[in-house]
PDB file of N, CA and C in Angstrom:
ATOM      1  N   MET A   1      10.213   7.517   8.373  1.00  0.00           N
ATOM      2  CA  MET A   1       8.833   7.113   8.214  1.00  0.00           C
ATOM      3  C   MET A   1       7.945   8.333   8.060  1.00  0.00           C
ATOM      4  N   GLU A   2       6.963   8.207   7.234  1.00  0.00           N
ATOM      5  CA  GLU A   2       5.975   9.268   7.036  1.00  0.00           C
ATOM      6  C   GLU A   2       4.925   9.163   8.129  1.00  0.00           C
ATOM      7  N   ARG A   3       4.661  10.267   8.807  1.00  0.00           N
ATOM      8  CA  ARG A   3       3.648  10.273   9.870  1.00  0.00           C
ATOM      9  C   ARG A   3       2.473  11.121   9.406  1.00  0.00           C
ATOM     10  N   THR A   4       1.284  10.586   9.583  1.00  0.00           N
ATOM     11  CA  THR A   4       0.057  11.315   9.266  1.00  0.00           C
ATOM     12  C   THR A   4      -0.919  11.109  10.401  1.00  0.00           C
ATOM     13  N   ALA A   5      -2.116  11.615  10.218  1.00  0.00           N
ATOM     14  CA  ALA A   5      -3.167  11.409  11.217  1.00  0.00           C
ATOM     15  C   ALA A   5      -3.487   9.925  11.363  1.00  0.00           C
ATOM     16  N   PHE A   6      -3.196   9.140  10.321  1.00  0.00           N
ATOM     17  CA  PHE A   6      -3.509   7.714  10.343  1.00  0.00           C
ATOM     18  C   PHE A   6      -2.404   6.882  10.981  1.00  0.00           C
ATOM     19  N   GLY A   7      -1.212   7.441  11.120  1.00  0.00           N
ATOM     20  CA  GLY A   7      -0.103   6.683  11.691  1.00  0.00           C
ATOM     21  C   GLY A   7       1.155   6.869  10.875  1.00  0.00           C
ATOM     22  N   GLU A   8       2.007   5.859  10.895  1.00  0.00           N
ATOM     23  CA  GLU A   8       3.289   5.914  10.204  1.00  0.00           C
ATOM     24  C   GLU A   8       3.324   4.882   9.091  1.00  0.00           C
ATOM     25  N   LEU A   9       4.091   5.198   8.048  1.00  0.00           N
ATOM     26  CA  LEU A   9       4.266   4.269   6.945  1.00  0.00           C
ATOM     27  C   LEU A   9       5.755   4.197   6.632  1.00  0.00           C
ATOM     28  N   PRO A  10       6.358   2.996   6.726  1.00  0.00           N
ATOM     29  CA  PRO A  10       7.790   2.865   6.428  1.00  0.00           C
ATOM     30  C   PRO A  10       8.057   3.012   4.927  1.00  0.00           C
ATOM     31  N   ASP A  11       9.324   3.117   4.552  1.00  0.00           N
ATOM     32  CA  ASP A  11       9.698   3.255   3.139  1.00  0.00           C
ATOM     33  C   ASP A  11       9.172   2.098   2.305  1.00  0.00           C
ATOM     34  N   ILE A  12       9.272   0.888   2.834  1.00  0.00           N
ATOM     35  CA  ILE A  12       8.727  -0.308   2.188  1.00  0.00           C
ATOM     36  C   ILE A  12       7.707  -0.890   3.157  1.00  0.00           C
ATOM     37  N   ALA A  13       6.451  -0.964   2.728  1.00  0.00           N
ATOM     38  CA  ALA A  13       5.365  -1.327   3.639  1.00  0.00           C
ATOM     39  C   ALA A  13       4.679  -2.622   3.222  1.00  0.00           C
ATOM     40  N   THR A  14       4.182  -3.331   4.210  1.00  0.00           N
ATOM     41  CA  THR A  14       3.382  -4.527   3.963  1.00  0.00           C
ATOM     42  C   THR A  14       1.957  -4.107   3.610  1.00  0.00           C
ATOM     43  N   ARG A  15       1.197  -5.058   3.126  1.00  0.00           N
ATOM     44  CA  ARG A  15      -0.205  -4.777   2.812  1.00  0.00           C
ATOM     45  C   ARG A  15      -0.957  -4.358   4.075  1.00  0.00           C
ATOM     46  N   ARG A  16      -0.664  -4.991   5.193  1.00  0.00           N
ATOM     47  CA  ARG A  16      -1.320  -4.636   6.457  1.00  0.00           C
ATOM     48  C   ARG A  16      -1.008  -3.188   6.847  1.00  0.00           C
ATOM     49  N   GLN A  17       0.246  -2.789   6.710  1.00  0.00           N
ATOM     50  CA  GLN A  17       0.630  -1.418   7.054  1.00  0.00           C
ATOM     51  C   GLN A  17      -0.077  -0.400   6.158  1.00  0.00           C
ATOM     52  N   VAL A  18      -0.163  -0.708   4.870  1.00  0.00           N
ATOM     53  CA  VAL A  18      -0.849   0.199   3.942  1.00  0.00           C
ATOM     54  C   VAL A  18      -2.343   0.233   4.246  1.00  0.00           C
ATOM     55  N   ALA A  19      -2.917  -0.908   4.582  1.00  0.00           N
ATOM     56  CA  ALA A  19      -4.341  -0.950   4.937  1.00  0.00           C
ATOM     57  C   ALA A  19      -4.615  -0.065   6.145  1.00  0.00           C
ATOM     58  N   GLU A  20      -3.779  -0.157   7.155  1.00  0.00           N
ATOM     59  CA  GLU A  20      -3.953   0.675   8.348  1.00  0.00           C
ATOM     60  C   GLU A  20      -3.741   2.148   8.018  1.00  0.00           C
ATOM     61  N   PHE A  21      -2.723   2.444   7.234  1.00  0.00           N
ATOM     62  CA  PHE A  21      -2.385   3.822   6.884  1.00  0.00           C
ATOM     63  C   PHE A  21      -3.501   4.488   6.082  1.00  0.00           C
ATOM     64  N   THR A  22      -4.101   3.733   5.153  1.00  0.00           N
ATOM     65  CA  THR A  22      -5.135   4.287   4.276  1.00  0.00           C
ATOM     66  C   THR A  22      -6.547   4.019   4.778  1.00  0.00           C
ATOM     67  N   GLN A  23      -6.651   3.310   5.883  1.00  0.00           N
ATOM     68  CA  GLN A  23      -7.949   2.917   6.443  1.00  0.00           C
ATOM     69  C   GLN A  23      -8.774   2.152   5.405  1.00  0.00           C
ATOM     70  N   THR A  24      -8.103   1.187   4.784  1.00  0.00           N
ATOM     71  CA  THR A  24      -8.686   0.312   3.772  1.00  0.00           C
ATOM     72  C   THR A  24      -8.473  -1.119   4.238  1.00  0.00           C
ATOM     73  N   SER A  25      -9.379  -2.017   3.882  1.00  0.00           N
ATOM     74  CA  SER A  25      -9.207  -3.405   4.308  1.00  0.00           C
ATOM     75  C   SER A  25      -8.133  -4.103   3.469  1.00  0.00           C
ATOM     76  N   ILE A  26      -7.537  -5.125   4.051  1.00  0.00           N
ATOM     77  CA  ILE A  26      -6.529  -5.915   3.342  1.00  0.00           C
ATOM     78  C   ILE A  26      -7.134  -6.588   2.106  1.00  0.00           C
ATOM     79  N   PRO A  27      -8.332  -7.198   2.204  1.00  0.00           N
ATOM     80  CA  PRO A  27      -8.925  -7.788   0.999  1.00  0.00           C
ATOM     81  C   PRO A  27      -9.178  -6.761  -0.114  1.00  0.00           C
ATOM     82  N   THR A  28      -9.534  -5.543   0.253  1.00  0.00           N
ATOM     83  CA  THR A  28      -9.742  -4.507  -0.764  1.00  0.00           C
ATOM     84  C   THR A  28      -8.430  -4.176  -1.459  1.00  0.00           C
ATOM     85  N   LEU A  29      -7.348  -4.028  -0.703  1.00  0.00           N
ATOM     86  CA  LEU A  29      -6.041  -3.774  -1.319  1.00  0.00           C
ATOM     87  C   LEU A  29      -5.640  -4.921  -2.241  1.00  0.00           C
ATOM     88  N   ALA A  30      -5.894  -6.153  -1.824  1.00  0.00           N
ATOM     89  CA  ALA A  30      -5.563  -7.323  -2.646  1.00  0.00           C
ATOM     90  C   ALA A  30      -6.377  -7.310  -3.938  1.00  0.00           C
ATOM     91  N   ARG A  31      -7.661  -6.992  -3.830  1.00  0.00           N
ATOM     92  CA  ARG A  31      -8.524  -6.942  -5.015  1.00  0.00           C
ATOM     93  C   ARG A  31      -8.061  -5.834  -5.958  1.00  0.00           C
ATOM     94  N   TRP A  32      -7.775  -4.652  -5.392  1.00  0.00           N
ATOM     95  CA  TRP A  32      -7.303  -3.551  -6.222  1.00  0.00           C
ATOM     96  C   TRP A  32      -6.019  -3.935  -6.957  1.00  0.00           C
ATOM     97  N   ALA A  33      -5.105  -4.606  -6.273  1.00  0.00           N
ATOM     98  CA  ALA A  33      -3.847  -5.016  -6.908  1.00  0.00           C
ATOM     99  C   ALA A  33      -4.127  -5.961  -8.073  1.00  0.00           C
ATOM    100  N   ALA A  34      -5.062  -6.900  -7.889  1.00  0.00           N
ATOM    101  CA  ALA A  34      -5.419  -7.844  -8.946  1.00  0.00           C
ATOM    102  C   ALA A  34      -6.069  -7.133 -10.129  1.00  0.00           C
ATOM    103  N   GLU A  35      -6.781  -6.042  -9.845  1.00  0.00           N
ATOM    104  CA  GLU A  35      -7.478  -5.277 -10.883  1.00  0.00           C
ATOM    105  C   GLU A  35      -6.618  -4.157 -11.469  1.00  0.00           C
ATOM    106  N   GLY A  36      -5.404  -3.990 -10.951  1.00  0.00           N
ATOM    107  CA  GLY A  36      -4.537  -2.915 -11.423  1.00  0.00           C
ATOM    108  C   GLY A  36      -4.953  -1.545 -10.910  1.00  0.00           C
ATOM    109  N   LYS A  37      -5.648  -1.519  -9.785  1.00  0.00           N
ATOM    110  CA  LYS A  37      -6.102  -0.271  -9.168  1.00  0.00           C
ATOM    111  C   LYS A  37      -5.348  -0.055  -7.864  1.00  0.00           C
ATOM    112  N   GLY A  38      -5.635   1.053  -7.196  1.00  0.00           N
ATOM    113  CA  GLY A  38      -5.032   1.323  -5.892  1.00  0.00           C
ATOM    114  C   GLY A  38      -3.573   1.688  -6.014  1.00  0.00           C
ATOM    115  N   PRO A  39      -2.880   1.764  -4.882  1.00  0.00           N
ATOM    116  CA  PRO A  39      -1.460   2.116  -4.927  1.00  0.00           C
ATOM    117  C   PRO A  39      -0.650   1.012  -5.602  1.00  0.00           C
ATOM    118  N   LYS A  40       0.390   1.412  -6.313  1.00  0.00           N
ATOM    119  CA  LYS A  40       1.253   0.458  -7.004  1.00  0.00           C
ATOM    120  C   LYS A  40       1.890  -0.483  -5.987  1.00  0.00           C
ATOM    121  N   SER A  41       1.846  -1.770  -6.281  1.00  0.00           N
ATOM    122  CA  SER A  41       2.446  -2.770  -5.394  1.00  0.00           C
ATOM    123  C   SER A  41       3.506  -3.557  -6.155  1.00  0.00           C
ATOM    124  N   VAL A  42       4.371  -4.222  -5.398  1.00  0.00           N
ATOM    125  CA  VAL A  42       5.452  -5.011  -5.982  1.00  0.00           C
ATOM    126  C   VAL A  42       5.422  -6.397  -5.365  1.00  0.00           C
ATOM    127  N   ARG A  43       5.468  -7.428  -6.200  1.00  0.00           N
ATOM    128  CA  ARG A  43       5.572  -8.812  -5.717  1.00  0.00           C
ATOM    129  C   ARG A  43       7.051  -9.157  -5.627  1.00  0.00           C
ATOM    130  N   LEU A  44       7.467  -9.628  -4.479  1.00  0.00           N
ATOM    131  CA  LEU A  44       8.873  -9.972  -4.275  1.00  0.00           C
ATOM    132  C   LEU A  44       9.142 -11.400  -4.717  1.00  0.00           C
ATOM    133  N   GLY A  45      10.165 -11.575  -5.519  1.00  0.00           N
ATOM    134  CA  GLY A  45      10.560 -12.899  -5.961  1.00  0.00           C
ATOM    135  C   GLY A  45       9.502 -13.612  -6.781  1.00  0.00           C
ATOM    136  N   GLY A  46       8.554 -12.872  -7.339  1.00  0.00           N
ATOM    137  CA  GLY A  46       7.500 -13.472  -8.142  1.00  0.00           C
ATOM    138  C   GLY A  46       6.514 -14.287  -7.332  1.00  0.00           C
ATOM    139  N   GLY A  47       6.626 -14.236  -6.020  1.00  0.00           N
ATOM    140  CA  GLY A  47       5.757 -15.027  -5.157  1.00  0.00           C
ATOM    141  C   GLY A  47       4.569 -14.252  -4.642  1.00  0.00           C
ATOM    142  N   SER A  48       4.107 -14.649  -3.474  1.00  0.00           N
ATOM    143  CA  SER A  48       2.907 -14.044  -2.905  1.00  0.00           C
ATOM    144  C   SER A  48       3.216 -12.878  -1.966  1.00  0.00           C
ATOM    145  N   THR A  49       4.504 -12.609  -1.719  1.00  0.00           N
ATOM    146  CA  THR A  49       4.875 -11.506  -0.839  1.00  0.00           C
ATOM    147  C   THR A  49       4.711 -10.185  -1.583  1.00  0.00           C
ATOM    148  N   VAL A  50       3.856  -9.305  -1.047  1.00  0.00           N
ATOM    149  CA  VAL A  50       3.567  -8.019  -1.678  1.00  0.00           C
ATOM    150  C   VAL A  50       4.058  -6.897  -0.777  1.00  0.00           C
ATOM    151  N   ARG A  51       4.687  -5.906  -1.381  1.00  0.00           N
ATOM    152  CA  ARG A  51       5.133  -4.730  -0.651  1.00  0.00           C
ATOM    153  C   ARG A  51       4.744  -3.487  -1.441  1.00  0.00           C
ATOM    154  N   TYR A  52       4.685  -2.375  -0.722  1.00  0.00           N
ATOM    155  CA  TYR A  52       4.342  -1.085  -1.311  1.00  0.00           C
ATOM    156  C   TYR A  52       5.425  -0.086  -0.935  1.00  0.00           C
ATOM    157  N   ARG A  53       5.853   0.729  -1.894  1.00  0.00           N
ATOM    158  CA  ARG A  53       6.788   1.808  -1.588  1.00  0.00           C
ATOM    159  C   ARG A  53       5.987   2.992  -1.056  1.00  0.00           C
ATOM    160  N   ARG A  54       6.487   3.602  -0.006  1.00  0.00           N
ATOM    161  CA  ARG A  54       5.784   4.728   0.605  1.00  0.00           C
ATOM    162  C   ARG A  54       5.471   5.806  -0.425  1.00  0.00           C
ATOM    163  N   GLU A  55       6.438   6.130  -1.276  1.00  0.00           N
ATOM    164  CA  GLU A  55       6.221   7.192  -2.262  1.00  0.00           C
ATOM    165  C   GLU A  55       5.082   6.848  -3.218  1.00  0.00           C
ATOM    166  N   ASP A  56       4.901   5.559  -3.547  1.00  0.00           N
ATOM    167  CA  ASP A  56       3.792   5.154  -4.417  1.00  0.00           C
ATOM    168  C   ASP A  56       2.449   5.297  -3.708  1.00  0.00           C
ATOM    169  N   VAL A  57       2.417   4.944  -2.435  1.00  0.00           N
ATOM    170  CA  VAL A  57       1.176   5.073  -1.657  1.00  0.00           C
ATOM    171  C   VAL A  57       0.794   6.543  -1.528  1.00  0.00           C
ATOM    172  N   LEU A  58       1.768   7.388  -1.205  1.00  0.00           N
ATOM    173  CA  LEU A  58       1.484   8.815  -1.050  1.00  0.00           C
ATOM    174  C   LEU A  58       1.059   9.444  -2.373  1.00  0.00           C
ATOM    175  N   ALA A  59       1.682   9.031  -3.478  1.00  0.00           N
ATOM    176  CA  ALA A  59       1.295   9.544  -4.799  1.00  0.00           C
ATOM    177  C   ALA A  59      -0.132   9.133  -5.136  1.00  0.00           C
ATOM    178  N   TRP A  60      -0.489   7.901  -4.810  1.00  0.00           N
ATOM    179  CA  TRP A  60      -1.846   7.420  -5.059  1.00  0.00           C
ATOM    180  C   TRP A  60      -2.859   8.225  -4.240  1.00  0.00           C
ATOM    181  N   ILE A  61      -2.522   8.505  -2.985  1.00  0.00           N
ATOM    182  CA  ILE A  61      -3.412   9.306  -2.136  1.00  0.00           C
ATOM    183  C   ILE A  61      -3.571  10.708  -2.725  1.00  0.00           C
ATOM    184  N   GLU A  62      -2.473  11.310  -3.152  1.00  0.00           N
ATOM    185  CA  GLU A  62      -2.523  12.660  -3.736  1.00  0.00           C
ATOM    186  C   GLU A  62      -3.396  12.691  -4.990  1.00  0.00           C
ATOM    187  N   ALA A  63      -3.315  11.625  -5.799  1.00  0.00           N
ATOM    188  CA  ALA A  63      -4.067  11.575  -7.056  1.00  0.00           C
ATOM    189  C   ALA A  63      -5.547  11.275  -6.848  1.00  0.00           C
ATOM    190  N   SER A  64      -5.880  10.746  -5.694  1.00  0.00           N
ATOM    191  CA  SER A  64      -7.279  10.356  -5.430  1.00  0.00           C
ATOM    192  C   SER A  64      -8.141  11.550  -5.116  1.00  0.00           C
TER     193      SER A  64
END
């Protein structure tokens, strides 16, 4: 797990974990995903389950 001042982020993270890690609200992450913004997310099984890869979140933070 990646540890920062904000906490830890597992290799595959839930929206809640990414929200806590980035100090962003869950609705904001959901909106960004719908708009194609924010860290890259993956929908599992084509359903409503969303996950984020740690490397994608960290890359997004670096690029910001």
